[in-house]
Amino acid sequence: MSILRSQVIGCGSYLPARIVTNAELAARVDTSDEWIVQRTGIRQRHIAADDEPTSVVGLKAAQDAIADAGIDASEIDLIIVATATPDHTFPATATQIQAALGITGGAAFDVQAVCSGFVFALATADKFLVTGGAKTALVIGAETFSRILDWEDRATCVLFGDGAGALVLRAVPGEGTLQDRGVLTTHIRSDGRYKDKLYVDGGAGSTKTVGFLRMEGKEVFRHAVNNLAETVRHTFAETGLSGADIDWFVPHQANRRIIDATADKLGISHDHVVLTVDRHGNTSAASIPLALAEAHKDGRIKPGQLVLVEAMGGGFTWGSALIRW
């Protein structure tokens, strides 16, 4: 049976030039490189310049992905930006990127699911493409989390960084089998009962301020491993695959211990896991596309390989997607 698949035709990224090491943070708060690495695996993170709002880092990743796809920006008729750090309350950051790319047709909007945002955005774009609602989609994860961090809170300021990654997807006919190239399946979930475990203590509709990120790290860790394994097991049950069939596991880059524990639960070899958390920190919705872009550019991810992505974020939200590259 012939169906439409959302095929990845381009992949790009952008990281701000400024790098902040653990040693630099240790000079500002009561922490150390050893403490951060042991608990998170993070050694450094990138921080956006004052003239690099989320729309700018997102635009640079988008331009990189469009160049990789070898298409003209005018061919894009859907732009979805996953971000928890938009430039403005409104308009959507996606519309600013749309305008900067010179695109005047189609639709552009933001998705807010925090660290799961890119998976949610990918799942949304896939639905548009496979139903004929769009032909070519640009899906971006872009964040400037440095703007919502309390730099005196050592439990959170050491974890996050800034950056953006992007995919260009095109609706392409497939045979309806697991051998098709493109997005094969997506699963997304939310449970708002856990809002107080990971949140920002401000907002336009409540405090009229931006606020700072707050987190109960132990609780997030506990839920993350279980929820992430659960969503991937749905993927395996739907497809009949197992961890041994996955060529590359590209998880949300929040914490090395969470990544390792999830891979172990799913039976995925650590040799098949793409890791950037040591150099990028947690870039929220940008972390998966940044990792995809790195592994795509260095040749690890090859056409035809099975790539599994998953993430969990504030809300709680979580989800996964299986892609044949």
C-alpha atoms as a PDB file:
ATOM      1  CA  MET A   1       0.000   0.000   0.000  1.00  0.00           C
ATOM      2  CA  SER A   2       1.459   3.332  -1.041  1.00  0.00           C
ATOM      3  CA  ILE A   3       1.432   6.035   1.640  1.00  0.00           C
ATOM      4  CA  LEU A   4       3.225   9.315   2.299  1.00  0.00           C
ATOM      5  CA  ARG A   5       6.240   9.357   4.588  1.00  0.00           C
ATOM      6  CA  SER A   6       7.970  12.374   6.170  1.00  0.00           C
ATOM      7  CA  GLN A   7      11.482  11.876   4.842  1.00  0.00           C
ATOM      8  CA  VAL A   8      14.462  13.744   6.327  1.00  0.00           C
ATOM      9  CA  ILE A   9      16.179  15.613   3.480  1.00  0.00           C
ATOM     10  CA  GLY A  10      18.268  18.094   5.469  1.00  0.00           C
ATOM     11  CA  CYS A  11      19.781  18.493   8.932  1.00  0.00           C
ATOM     12  CA  GLY A  12      21.479  21.533  10.456  1.00  0.00           C
ATOM     13  CA  SER A  13      22.619  23.112  13.701  1.00  0.00           C
ATOM     14  CA  TYR A  14      24.018  26.198  15.368  1.00  0.00           C
ATOM     15  CA  LEU A  15      25.921  26.668  18.626  1.00  0.00           C
ATOM     16  CA  PRO A  16      26.841  30.097  20.009  1.00  0.00           C
ATOM     17  CA  ALA A  17      30.563  30.887  20.025  1.00  0.00           C
ATOM     18  CA  ARG A  18      30.885  31.459  23.773  1.00  0.00           C
ATOM     19  CA  ILE A  19      31.755  28.325  25.751  1.00  0.00           C
ATOM     20  CA  VAL A  20      31.382  28.264  29.531  1.00  0.00           C
ATOM     21  CA  THR A  21      33.346  25.502  31.260  1.00  0.00           C
ATOM     22  CA  ASN A  22      32.646  23.896  34.611  1.00  0.00           C
ATOM     23  CA  ALA A  23      35.714  25.630  35.985  1.00  0.00           C
ATOM     24  CA  GLU A  24      34.241  29.022  35.099  1.00  0.00           C
ATOM     25  CA  LEU A  25      31.003  28.146  36.879  1.00  0.00           C
ATOM     26  CA  ALA A  26      32.943  26.908  39.903  1.00  0.00           C
ATOM     27  CA  ALA A  27      34.345  30.406  40.268  1.00  0.00           C
ATOM     28  CA  ARG A  28      30.787  31.781  40.523  1.00  0.00           C
ATOM     29  CA  VAL A  29      28.871  29.210  42.602  1.00  0.00           C
ATOM     30  CA  ASP A  30      29.723  26.500  45.149  1.00  0.00           C
ATOM     31  CA  THR A  31      30.443  23.649  42.744  1.00  0.00           C
ATOM     32  CA  SER A  32      33.322  21.904  40.999  1.00  0.00           C
ATOM     33  CA  ASP A  33      34.116  20.252  37.708  1.00  0.00           C
ATOM     34  CA  GLU A  34      34.283  16.881  39.475  1.00  0.00           C
ATOM     35  CA  TRP A  35      30.847  17.375  41.104  1.00  0.00           C
ATOM     36  CA  ILE A  36      29.175  18.373  37.799  1.00  0.00           C
ATOM     37  CA  VAL A  37      30.790  15.644  35.689  1.00  0.00           C
ATOM     38  CA  GLN A  38      30.096  12.890  38.224  1.00  0.00           C
ATOM     39  CA  ARG A  39      26.386  13.746  38.492  1.00  0.00           C
ATOM     40  CA  THR A  40      25.587  14.865  34.949  1.00  0.00           C
ATOM     41  CA  GLY A  41      28.416  14.124  32.521  1.00  0.00           C
ATOM     42  CA  ILE A  42      28.486  17.805  31.498  1.00  0.00           C
ATOM     43  CA  ARG A  43      31.864  19.499  31.010  1.00  0.00           C
ATOM     44  CA  GLN A  44      30.890  22.671  29.161  1.00  0.00           C
ATOM     45  CA  ARG A  45      27.968  24.488  27.519  1.00  0.00           C
ATOM     46  CA  HIS A  46      27.449  27.221  24.904  1.00  0.00           C
ATOM     47  CA  ILE A  47      25.886  30.551  25.896  1.00  0.00           C
ATOM     48  CA  ALA A  48      24.210  32.885  23.397  1.00  0.00           C
ATOM     49  CA  ALA A  49      25.487  36.430  22.953  1.00  0.00           C
ATOM     50  CA  ASP A  50      23.300  39.406  23.846  1.00  0.00           C
ATOM     51  CA  ASP A  51      22.417  39.870  20.169  1.00  0.00           C
ATOM     52  CA  GLU A  52      21.447  36.203  19.731  1.00  0.00           C
ATOM     53  CA  PRO A  53      17.832  35.717  20.805  1.00  0.00           C
ATOM     54  CA  THR A  54      16.172  32.372  20.149  1.00  0.00           C
ATOM     55  CA  SER A  55      14.978  33.459  16.699  1.00  0.00           C
ATOM     56  CA  VAL A  56      18.554  34.156  15.625  1.00  0.00           C
ATOM     57  CA  VAL A  57      20.035  30.849  16.805  1.00  0.00           C
ATOM     58  CA  GLY A  58      17.025  29.080  15.293  1.00  0.00           C
ATOM     59  CA  LEU A  59      17.447  30.905  11.989  1.00  0.00           C
ATOM     60  CA  LYS A  60      21.112  29.899  11.744  1.00  0.00           C
ATOM     61  CA  ALA A  61      20.261  26.240  12.333  1.00  0.00           C
ATOM     62  CA  ALA A  62      17.455  26.493   9.764  1.00  0.00           C
ATOM     63  CA  GLN A  63      19.787  27.967   7.153  1.00  0.00           C
ATOM     64  CA  ASP A  64      22.266  25.164   7.781  1.00  0.00           C
ATOM     65  CA  ALA A  65      19.531  22.522   7.372  1.00  0.00           C
ATOM     66  CA  ILE A  66      18.175  24.134   4.185  1.00  0.00           C
ATOM     67  CA  ALA A  67      21.675  24.215   2.706  1.00  0.00           C
ATOM     68  CA  ASP A  68      22.134  20.552   3.624  1.00  0.00           C
ATOM     69  CA  ALA A  69      18.835  19.734   1.912  1.00  0.00           C
ATOM     70  CA  GLY A  70      19.919  21.563  -1.235  1.00  0.00           C
ATOM     71  CA  ILE A  71      16.551  23.291  -1.638  1.00  0.00           C
ATOM     72  CA  ASP A  72      15.332  26.865  -1.848  1.00  0.00           C
ATOM     73  CA  ALA A  73      13.658  28.235   1.261  1.00  0.00           C
ATOM     74  CA  SER A  74      10.589  29.101  -0.803  1.00  0.00           C
ATOM     75  CA  GLU A  75       9.812  25.369  -1.089  1.00  0.00           C
ATOM     76  CA  ILE A  76       9.047  25.211   2.653  1.00  0.00           C
ATOM     77  CA  ASP A  77       5.335  25.498   3.417  1.00  0.00           C
ATOM     78  CA  LEU A  78       5.392  24.616   7.136  1.00  0.00           C
ATOM     79  CA  ILE A  79       7.663  25.838   9.933  1.00  0.00           C
ATOM     80  CA  ILE A  80       7.353  24.548  13.492  1.00  0.00           C
ATOM     81  CA  VAL A  81       9.680  25.837  16.200  1.00  0.00           C
ATOM     82  CA  ALA A  82       9.945  23.956  19.478  1.00  0.00           C
ATOM     83  CA  THR A  83      11.046  26.360  22.197  1.00  0.00           C
ATOM     84  CA  ALA A  84      10.429  27.245  25.828  1.00  0.00           C
ATOM     85  CA  THR A  85      12.404  30.486  25.457  1.00  0.00           C
ATOM     86  CA  PRO A  86      10.657  32.471  22.689  1.00  0.00           C
ATOM     87  CA  ASP A  87      11.796  36.000  21.829  1.00  0.00           C
ATOM     88  CA  HIS A  88       8.356  37.371  22.700  1.00  0.00           C
ATOM     89  CA  THR A  89       5.133  36.249  24.349  1.00  0.00           C
ATOM     90  CA  PHE A  90       3.834  36.707  20.786  1.00  0.00           C
ATOM     91  CA  PRO A  91       4.252  36.590  17.850  1.00  0.00           C
ATOM     92  CA  ALA A  92       5.606  33.069  17.517  1.00  0.00           C
ATOM     93  CA  THR A  93       9.343  32.726  17.044  1.00  0.00           C
ATOM     94  CA  ALA A  94       8.564  30.585  13.986  1.00  0.00           C
ATOM     95  CA  THR A  95       7.028  33.572  12.206  1.00  0.00           C
ATOM     96  CA  GLN A  96      10.181  35.614  12.794  1.00  0.00           C
ATOM     97  CA  ILE A  97      12.296  32.844  11.288  1.00  0.00           C
ATOM     98  CA  GLN A  98       9.822  32.519   8.420  1.00  0.00           C
ATOM     99  CA  ALA A  99      10.192  36.227   7.626  1.00  0.00           C
ATOM    100  CA  ALA A 100      13.992  36.110   7.931  1.00  0.00           C
ATOM    101  CA  LEU A 101      14.062  33.255   5.404  1.00  0.00           C
ATOM    102  CA  GLY A 102      11.961  35.296   2.986  1.00  0.00           C
ATOM    103  CA  ILE A 103       9.056  32.839   3.105  1.00  0.00           C
ATOM    104  CA  THR A 104       5.592  34.385   2.737  1.00  0.00           C
ATOM    105  CA  GLY A 105       3.449  31.288   2.171  1.00  0.00           C
ATOM    106  CA  GLY A 106       2.400  28.368   4.313  1.00  0.00           C
ATOM    107  CA  ALA A 107       2.126  28.318   8.102  1.00  0.00           C
ATOM    108  CA  ALA A 108       4.573  28.971  10.936  1.00  0.00           C
ATOM    109  CA  PHE A 109       3.962  28.405  14.633  1.00  0.00           C
ATOM    110  CA  ASP A 110       5.637  27.412  17.897  1.00  0.00           C
ATOM    111  CA  VAL A 111       5.233  24.281  20.027  1.00  0.00           C
ATOM    112  CA  GLN A 112       5.890  24.408  23.779  1.00  0.00           C
ATOM    113  CA  ALA A 113       6.626  21.074  25.434  1.00  0.00           C
ATOM    114  CA  VAL A 114       9.943  22.112  27.014  1.00  0.00           C
ATOM    115  CA  CYS A 115      12.642  19.438  26.563  1.00  0.00           C
ATOM    116  CA  SER A 116      10.201  17.176  24.695  1.00  0.00           C
ATOM    117  CA  GLY A 117       9.384  20.010  22.323  1.00  0.00           C
ATOM    118  CA  PHE A 118      11.332  18.756  19.330  1.00  0.00           C
ATOM    119  CA  VAL A 119       9.653  15.333  19.466  1.00  0.00           C
ATOM    120  CA  PHE A 120       6.245  17.013  19.754  1.00  0.00           C
ATOM    121  CA  ALA A 121       7.083  19.326  16.833  1.00  0.00           C
ATOM    122  CA  LEU A 122       8.337  16.411  14.740  1.00  0.00           C
ATOM    123  CA  ALA A 123       5.166  14.426  15.454  1.00  0.00           C
ATOM    124  CA  THR A 124       3.030  17.439  14.499  1.00  0.00           C
ATOM    125  CA  ALA A 125       4.901  18.078  11.250  1.00  0.00           C
ATOM    126  CA  ASP A 126       4.649  14.389  10.381  1.00  0.00           C
ATOM    127  CA  LYS A 127       0.861  14.535  10.675  1.00  0.00           C
ATOM    128  CA  PHE A 128       0.695  17.514   8.306  1.00  0.00           C
ATOM    129  CA  LEU A 129       2.978  15.871   5.749  1.00  0.00           C
ATOM    130  CA  VAL A 130       1.445  12.404   5.656  1.00  0.00           C
ATOM    131  CA  THR A 131      -2.092  13.807   5.335  1.00  0.00           C
ATOM    132  CA  GLY A 132      -1.189  16.199   2.532  1.00  0.00           C
ATOM    133  CA  GLY A 133      -1.518  19.336   4.653  1.00  0.00           C
ATOM    134  CA  ALA A 134       2.020  20.380   3.730  1.00  0.00           C
ATOM    135  CA  LYS A 135       4.736  19.212   1.339  1.00  0.00           C
ATOM    136  CA  THR A 136       7.985  20.425   2.910  1.00  0.00           C
ATOM    137  CA  ALA A 137       8.415  21.178   6.603  1.00  0.00           C
ATOM    138  CA  LEU A 138      11.146  22.869   8.606  1.00  0.00           C
ATOM    139  CA  VAL A 139      11.221  21.614  12.207  1.00  0.00           C
ATOM    140  CA  ILE A 140      13.452  23.558  14.577  1.00  0.00           C
ATOM    141  CA  GLY A 141      14.413  23.120  18.218  1.00  0.00           C
ATOM    142  CA  ALA A 142      15.884  26.384  19.496  1.00  0.00           C
ATOM    143  CA  GLU A 143      16.619  27.571  23.026  1.00  0.00           C
ATOM    144  CA  THR A 144      18.366  30.300  24.994  1.00  0.00           C
ATOM    145  CA  PHE A 145      17.910  28.777  28.449  1.00  0.00           C
ATOM    146  CA  SER A 146      20.697  30.965  29.832  1.00  0.00           C
ATOM    147  CA  ARG A 147      18.086  33.761  29.976  1.00  0.00           C
ATOM    148  CA  ILE A 148      15.860  31.894  32.470  1.00  0.00           C
ATOM    149  CA  LEU A 149      18.539  30.476  34.783  1.00  0.00           C
ATOM    150  CA  ASP A 150      19.185  31.580  38.331  1.00  0.00           C
ATOM    151  CA  TRP A 151      22.972  31.787  38.155  1.00  0.00           C
ATOM    152  CA  GLU A 152      23.191  31.510  41.944  1.00  0.00           C
ATOM    153  CA  ASP A 153      21.385  28.150  42.003  1.00  0.00           C
ATOM    154  CA  ARG A 154      24.100  25.541  41.531  1.00  0.00           C
ATOM    155  CA  ALA A 155      21.516  22.759  41.138  1.00  0.00           C
ATOM    156  CA  THR A 156      20.231  24.200  37.853  1.00  0.00           C
ATOM    157  CA  CYS A 157      22.693  26.722  36.394  1.00  0.00           C
ATOM    158  CA  VAL A 158      25.296  24.029  35.707  1.00  0.00           C
ATOM    159  CA  LEU A 159      22.896  21.932  33.617  1.00  0.00           C
ATOM    160  CA  PHE A 160      21.732  24.053  30.712  1.00  0.00           C
ATOM    161  CA  GLY A 161      23.070  25.646  27.551  1.00  0.00           C
ATOM    162  CA  ASP A 162      21.937  27.421  24.391  1.00  0.00           C
ATOM    163  CA  GLY A 163      21.740  26.328  20.768  1.00  0.00           C
ATOM    164  CA  ALA A 164      19.506  25.177  17.935  1.00  0.00           C
ATOM    165  CA  GLY A 165      19.074  22.276  15.542  1.00  0.00           C
ATOM    166  CA  ALA A 166      16.748  21.740  12.593  1.00  0.00           C
ATOM    167  CA  LEU A 167      15.433  19.135  10.178  1.00  0.00           C
ATOM    168  CA  VAL A 168      13.905  19.623   6.746  1.00  0.00           C
ATOM    169  CA  LEU A 169      11.237  17.008   6.031  1.00  0.00           C
ATOM    170  CA  ARG A 170       9.498  16.306   2.727  1.00  0.00           C
ATOM    171  CA  ALA A 171       6.407  14.218   2.003  1.00  0.00           C
ATOM    172  CA  VAL A 172       7.612  11.312  -0.160  1.00  0.00           C
ATOM    173  CA  PRO A 173       5.648   8.227  -1.284  1.00  0.00           C
ATOM    174  CA  GLY A 174       6.454   5.044   0.624  1.00  0.00           C
ATOM    175  CA  GLU A 175       5.302   1.425   0.578  1.00  0.00           C
ATOM    176  CA  GLY A 176       3.902   1.446   4.093  1.00  0.00           C
ATOM    177  CA  THR A 177       6.583  -0.875   5.495  1.00  0.00           C
ATOM    178  CA  LEU A 178       9.370  -0.454   8.023  1.00  0.00           C
ATOM    179  CA  GLN A 179      11.816  -0.290   5.114  1.00  0.00           C
ATOM    180  CA  ASP A 180      10.437   3.101   4.052  1.00  0.00           C
ATOM    181  CA  ARG A 181      12.725   6.048   4.639  1.00  0.00           C
ATOM    182  CA  GLY A 182      11.241   8.743   6.857  1.00  0.00           C
ATOM    183  CA  VAL A 183       9.344   9.008  10.133  1.00  0.00           C
ATOM    184  CA  LEU A 184       7.940   5.540  10.862  1.00  0.00           C
ATOM    185  CA  THR A 185       6.148   6.163  14.153  1.00  0.00           C
ATOM    186  CA  THR A 186       5.792   8.770  16.893  1.00  0.00           C
ATOM    187  CA  HIS A 187       4.425   8.625  20.440  1.00  0.00           C
ATOM    188  CA  ILE A 188       3.860  11.655  22.681  1.00  0.00           C
ATOM    189  CA  ARG A 189       2.517  11.849  26.237  1.00  0.00           C
ATOM    190  CA  SER A 190       1.833  14.398  28.982  1.00  0.00           C
ATOM    191  CA  ASP A 191       0.916  14.299  32.675  1.00  0.00           C
ATOM    192  CA  GLY A 192       0.319  17.703  34.253  1.00  0.00           C
ATOM    193  CA  ARG A 193       0.260  16.390  37.817  1.00  0.00           C
ATOM    194  CA  TYR A 194       4.032  16.855  38.008  1.00  0.00           C
ATOM    195  CA  LYS A 195       4.217  20.525  37.084  1.00  0.00           C
ATOM    196  CA  ASP A 196       5.985  21.491  40.327  1.00  0.00           C
ATOM    197  CA  LYS A 197       8.878  19.085  39.703  1.00  0.00           C
ATOM    198  CA  LEU A 198      10.262  21.110  36.782  1.00  0.00           C
ATOM    199  CA  TYR A 199       8.945  24.564  35.942  1.00  0.00           C
ATOM    200  CA  VAL A 200       9.666  28.279  35.575  1.00  0.00           C
ATOM    201  CA  ASP A 201       8.367  30.410  38.444  1.00  0.00           C
ATOM    202  CA  GLY A 202       7.007  33.211  36.262  1.00  0.00           C
ATOM    203  CA  GLY A 203       4.950  34.019  33.194  1.00  0.00           C
ATOM    204  CA  ALA A 204       2.938  36.704  31.449  1.00  0.00           C
ATOM    205  CA  GLY A 205      -0.365  35.333  32.735  1.00  0.00           C
ATOM    206  CA  SER A 206       0.709  34.900  36.365  1.00  0.00           C
ATOM    207  CA  THR A 207       3.592  36.976  37.706  1.00  0.00           C
ATOM    208  CA  LYS A 208       4.008  39.211  34.630  1.00  0.00           C
ATOM    209  CA  THR A 209       7.711  38.327  34.781  1.00  0.00           C
ATOM    210  CA  VAL A 210       9.899  35.828  32.949  1.00  0.00           C
ATOM    211  CA  GLY A 211      10.873  33.931  36.107  1.00  0.00           C
ATOM    212  CA  PHE A 212      13.606  31.365  36.711  1.00  0.00           C
ATOM    213  CA  LEU A 213      13.822  27.636  36.127  1.00  0.00           C
ATOM    214  CA  ARG A 214      13.189  25.476  39.199  1.00  0.00           C
ATOM    215  CA  MET A 215      13.684  21.731  39.446  1.00  0.00           C
ATOM    216  CA  GLU A 216      13.518  18.789  41.848  1.00  0.00           C
ATOM    217  CA  GLY A 217      16.365  16.844  40.295  1.00  0.00           C
ATOM    218  CA  LYS A 218      15.888  13.485  42.018  1.00  0.00           C
ATOM    219  CA  GLU A 219      12.197  13.336  41.127  1.00  0.00           C
ATOM    220  CA  VAL A 220      12.856  14.300  37.514  1.00  0.00           C
ATOM    221  CA  PHE A 221      15.524  11.596  37.242  1.00  0.00           C
ATOM    222  CA  ARG A 222      13.199   8.927  38.630  1.00  0.00           C
ATOM    223  CA  HIS A 223      10.322   9.767  36.312  1.00  0.00           C
ATOM    224  CA  ALA A 224      12.571  10.299  33.290  1.00  0.00           C
ATOM    225  CA  VAL A 225      14.006   6.799  33.133  1.00  0.00           C
ATOM    226  CA  ASN A 226      10.623   5.121  33.584  1.00  0.00           C
ATOM    227  CA  ASN A 227       8.672   7.395  31.229  1.00  0.00           C
ATOM    228  CA  LEU A 228      11.274   7.311  28.473  1.00  0.00           C
ATOM    229  CA  ALA A 229      11.515   3.532  28.565  1.00  0.00           C
ATOM    230  CA  GLU A 230       7.717   3.301  28.477  1.00  0.00           C
ATOM    231  CA  THR A 231       7.286   5.447  25.357  1.00  0.00           C
ATOM    232  CA  VAL A 232       9.990   3.545  23.481  1.00  0.00           C
ATOM    233  CA  ARG A 233       8.414   0.218  24.435  1.00  0.00           C
ATOM    234  CA  HIS A 234       5.259   1.431  22.674  1.00  0.00           C
ATOM    235  CA  THR A 235       7.389   1.961  19.580  1.00  0.00           C
ATOM    236  CA  PHE A 236       8.850  -1.522  19.847  1.00  0.00           C
ATOM    237  CA  ALA A 237       5.410  -3.076  20.385  1.00  0.00           C
ATOM    238  CA  GLU A 238       3.990  -1.272  17.359  1.00  0.00           C
ATOM    239  CA  THR A 239       6.860  -2.158  15.028  1.00  0.00           C
ATOM    240  CA  GLY A 240       8.005  -5.532  16.361  1.00  0.00           C
ATOM    241  CA  LEU A 241      11.531  -4.157  16.761  1.00  0.00           C
ATOM    242  CA  SER A 242      13.852  -4.284  19.757  1.00  0.00           C
ATOM    243  CA  GLY A 243      16.826  -2.350  21.034  1.00  0.00           C
ATOM    244  CA  ALA A 244      19.141  -4.577  19.007  1.00  0.00           C
ATOM    245  CA  ASP A 245      17.538  -3.326  15.768  1.00  0.00           C
ATOM    246  CA  ILE A 246      18.304   0.338  16.431  1.00  0.00           C
ATOM    247  CA  ASP A 247      21.302   1.713  14.560  1.00  0.00           C
ATOM    248  CA  TRP A 248      21.451   4.963  16.507  1.00  0.00           C
ATOM    249  CA  PHE A 249      19.770   6.028  19.727  1.00  0.00           C
ATOM    250  CA  VAL A 250      19.638   9.845  19.949  1.00  0.00           C
ATOM    251  CA  PRO A 251      18.095  10.750  23.316  1.00  0.00           C
ATOM    252  CA  HIS A 252      17.441  14.135  24.853  1.00  0.00           C
ATOM    253  CA  GLN A 253      20.783  15.255  26.247  1.00  0.00           C
ATOM    254  CA  ALA A 254      19.893  16.100  29.837  1.00  0.00           C
ATOM    255  CA  ASN A 255      22.049  13.875  31.998  1.00  0.00           C
ATOM    256  CA  ARG A 256      24.532  11.129  31.141  1.00  0.00           C
ATOM    257  CA  ARG A 257      23.192   8.883  33.920  1.00  0.00           C
ATOM    258  CA  ILE A 258      19.616   9.140  32.587  1.00  0.00           C
ATOM    259  CA  ILE A 259      20.825   8.356  29.069  1.00  0.00           C
ATOM    260  CA  ASP A 260      22.827   5.308  30.187  1.00  0.00           C
ATOM    261  CA  ALA A 261      20.031   3.973  32.404  1.00  0.00           C
ATOM    262  CA  THR A 262      17.437   4.349  29.632  1.00  0.00           C
ATOM    263  CA  ALA A 263      19.657   2.638  27.067  1.00  0.00           C
ATOM    264  CA  ASP A 264      20.213  -0.241  29.478  1.00  0.00           C
ATOM    265  CA  LYS A 265      16.472  -0.634  30.095  1.00  0.00           C
ATOM    266  CA  LEU A 266      15.822  -0.755  26.351  1.00  0.00           C
ATOM    267  CA  GLY A 267      18.653  -3.156  25.522  1.00  0.00           C
ATOM    268  CA  ILE A 268      20.510  -0.618  23.389  1.00  0.00           C
ATOM    269  CA  SER A 269      24.306  -0.841  23.353  1.00  0.00           C
ATOM    270  CA  HIS A 270      26.096   2.294  24.574  1.00  0.00           C
ATOM    271  CA  ASP A 271      28.137   2.129  21.359  1.00  0.00           C
ATOM    272  CA  HIS A 272      24.942   3.006  19.470  1.00  0.00           C
ATOM    273  CA  VAL A 273      24.104   6.073  21.558  1.00  0.00           C
ATOM    274  CA  VAL A 274      24.846   9.591  20.261  1.00  0.00           C
ATOM    275  CA  LEU A 275      26.138  11.737  23.127  1.00  0.00           C
ATOM    276  CA  THR A 276      26.636  15.510  23.127  1.00  0.00           C
ATOM    277  CA  VAL A 277      25.655  16.316  26.716  1.00  0.00           C
ATOM    278  CA  ASP A 278      29.305  16.604  27.774  1.00  0.00           C
ATOM    279  CA  ARG A 279      29.871  19.506  25.352  1.00  0.00           C
ATOM    280  CA  HIS A 280      26.411  21.056  24.964  1.00  0.00           C
ATOM    281  CA  GLY A 281      24.777  20.558  28.350  1.00  0.00           C
ATOM    282  CA  ASN A 282      21.000  20.363  28.357  1.00  0.00           C
ATOM    283  CA  THR A 283      19.755  22.543  25.490  1.00  0.00           C
ATOM    284  CA  SER A 284      16.128  21.513  26.046  1.00  0.00           C
ATOM    285  CA  ALA A 285      14.192  21.311  22.743  1.00  0.00           C
ATOM    286  CA  ALA A 286      17.415  21.876  20.793  1.00  0.00           C
ATOM    287  CA  SER A 287      19.294  18.892  22.206  1.00  0.00           C
ATOM    288  CA  ILE A 288      17.991  16.138  19.909  1.00  0.00           C
ATOM    289  CA  PRO A 289      18.362  18.023  16.605  1.00  0.00           C
ATOM    290  CA  LEU A 290      21.806  19.235  17.686  1.00  0.00           C
ATOM    291  CA  ALA A 291      22.865  15.644  18.328  1.00  0.00           C
ATOM    292  CA  LEU A 292      21.278  14.461  15.070  1.00  0.00           C
ATOM    293  CA  ALA A 293      23.119  17.153  13.128  1.00  0.00           C
ATOM    294  CA  GLU A 294      26.468  16.235  14.683  1.00  0.00           C
ATOM    295  CA  ALA A 295      26.078  12.525  13.916  1.00  0.00           C
ATOM    296  CA  HIS A 296      24.749  13.300  10.414  1.00  0.00           C
ATOM    297  CA  LYS A 297      27.632  15.629   9.585  1.00  0.00           C
ATOM    298  CA  ASP A 298      30.371  13.328  10.866  1.00  0.00           C
ATOM    299  CA  GLY A 299      28.932  10.388   8.929  1.00  0.00           C
ATOM    300  CA  ARG A 300      27.823   8.200  11.815  1.00  0.00           C
ATOM    301  CA  ILE A 301      24.166   8.300  10.773  1.00  0.00           C
ATOM    302  CA  LYS A 302      23.880   6.945   7.249  1.00  0.00           C
ATOM    303  CA  PRO A 303      20.930   6.803   4.828  1.00  0.00           C
ATOM    304  CA  GLY A 304      18.687   3.829   5.520  1.00  0.00           C
ATOM    305  CA  GLN A 305      19.655   3.442   9.173  1.00  0.00           C
ATOM    306  CA  LEU A 306      17.095   3.298  11.975  1.00  0.00           C
ATOM    307  CA  VAL A 307      17.313   6.275  14.343  1.00  0.00           C
ATOM    308  CA  LEU A 308      15.374   6.374  17.622  1.00  0.00           C
ATOM    309  CA  VAL A 309      14.864   9.687  19.419  1.00  0.00           C
ATOM    310  CA  GLU A 310      13.209  10.327  22.794  1.00  0.00           C
ATOM    311  CA  ALA A 311      12.849  13.099  25.337  1.00  0.00           C
ATOM    312  CA  MET A 312      11.165  14.125  28.573  1.00  0.00           C
ATOM    313  CA  GLY A 313      10.494  17.655  29.767  1.00  0.00           C
ATOM    314  CA  GLY A 314       8.589  19.830  32.186  1.00  0.00           C
ATOM    315  CA  GLY A 315       4.887  19.270  32.410  1.00  0.00           C
ATOM    316  CA  PHE A 316       5.701  16.382  32.510  1.00  0.00           C
ATOM    317  CA  THR A 317       5.828  15.737  28.782  1.00  0.00           C
ATOM    318  CA  TRP A 318       7.629  12.893  27.028  1.00  0.00           C
ATOM    319  CA  GLY A 319       7.756  11.186  23.662  1.00  0.00           C
ATOM    320  CA  SER A 320       9.688   9.237  21.053  1.00  0.00           C
ATOM    321  CA  ALA A 321      10.017   8.941  17.304  1.00  0.00           C
ATOM    322  CA  LEU A 322      11.485   6.269  15.047  1.00  0.00           C
ATOM    323  CA  ILE A 323      13.037   7.466  11.800  1.00  0.00           C
ATOM    324  CA  ARG A 324      14.631   5.604   8.929  1.00  0.00           C
ATOM    325  CA  TRP A 325      17.261   8.129   7.843  1.00  0.00           C
END
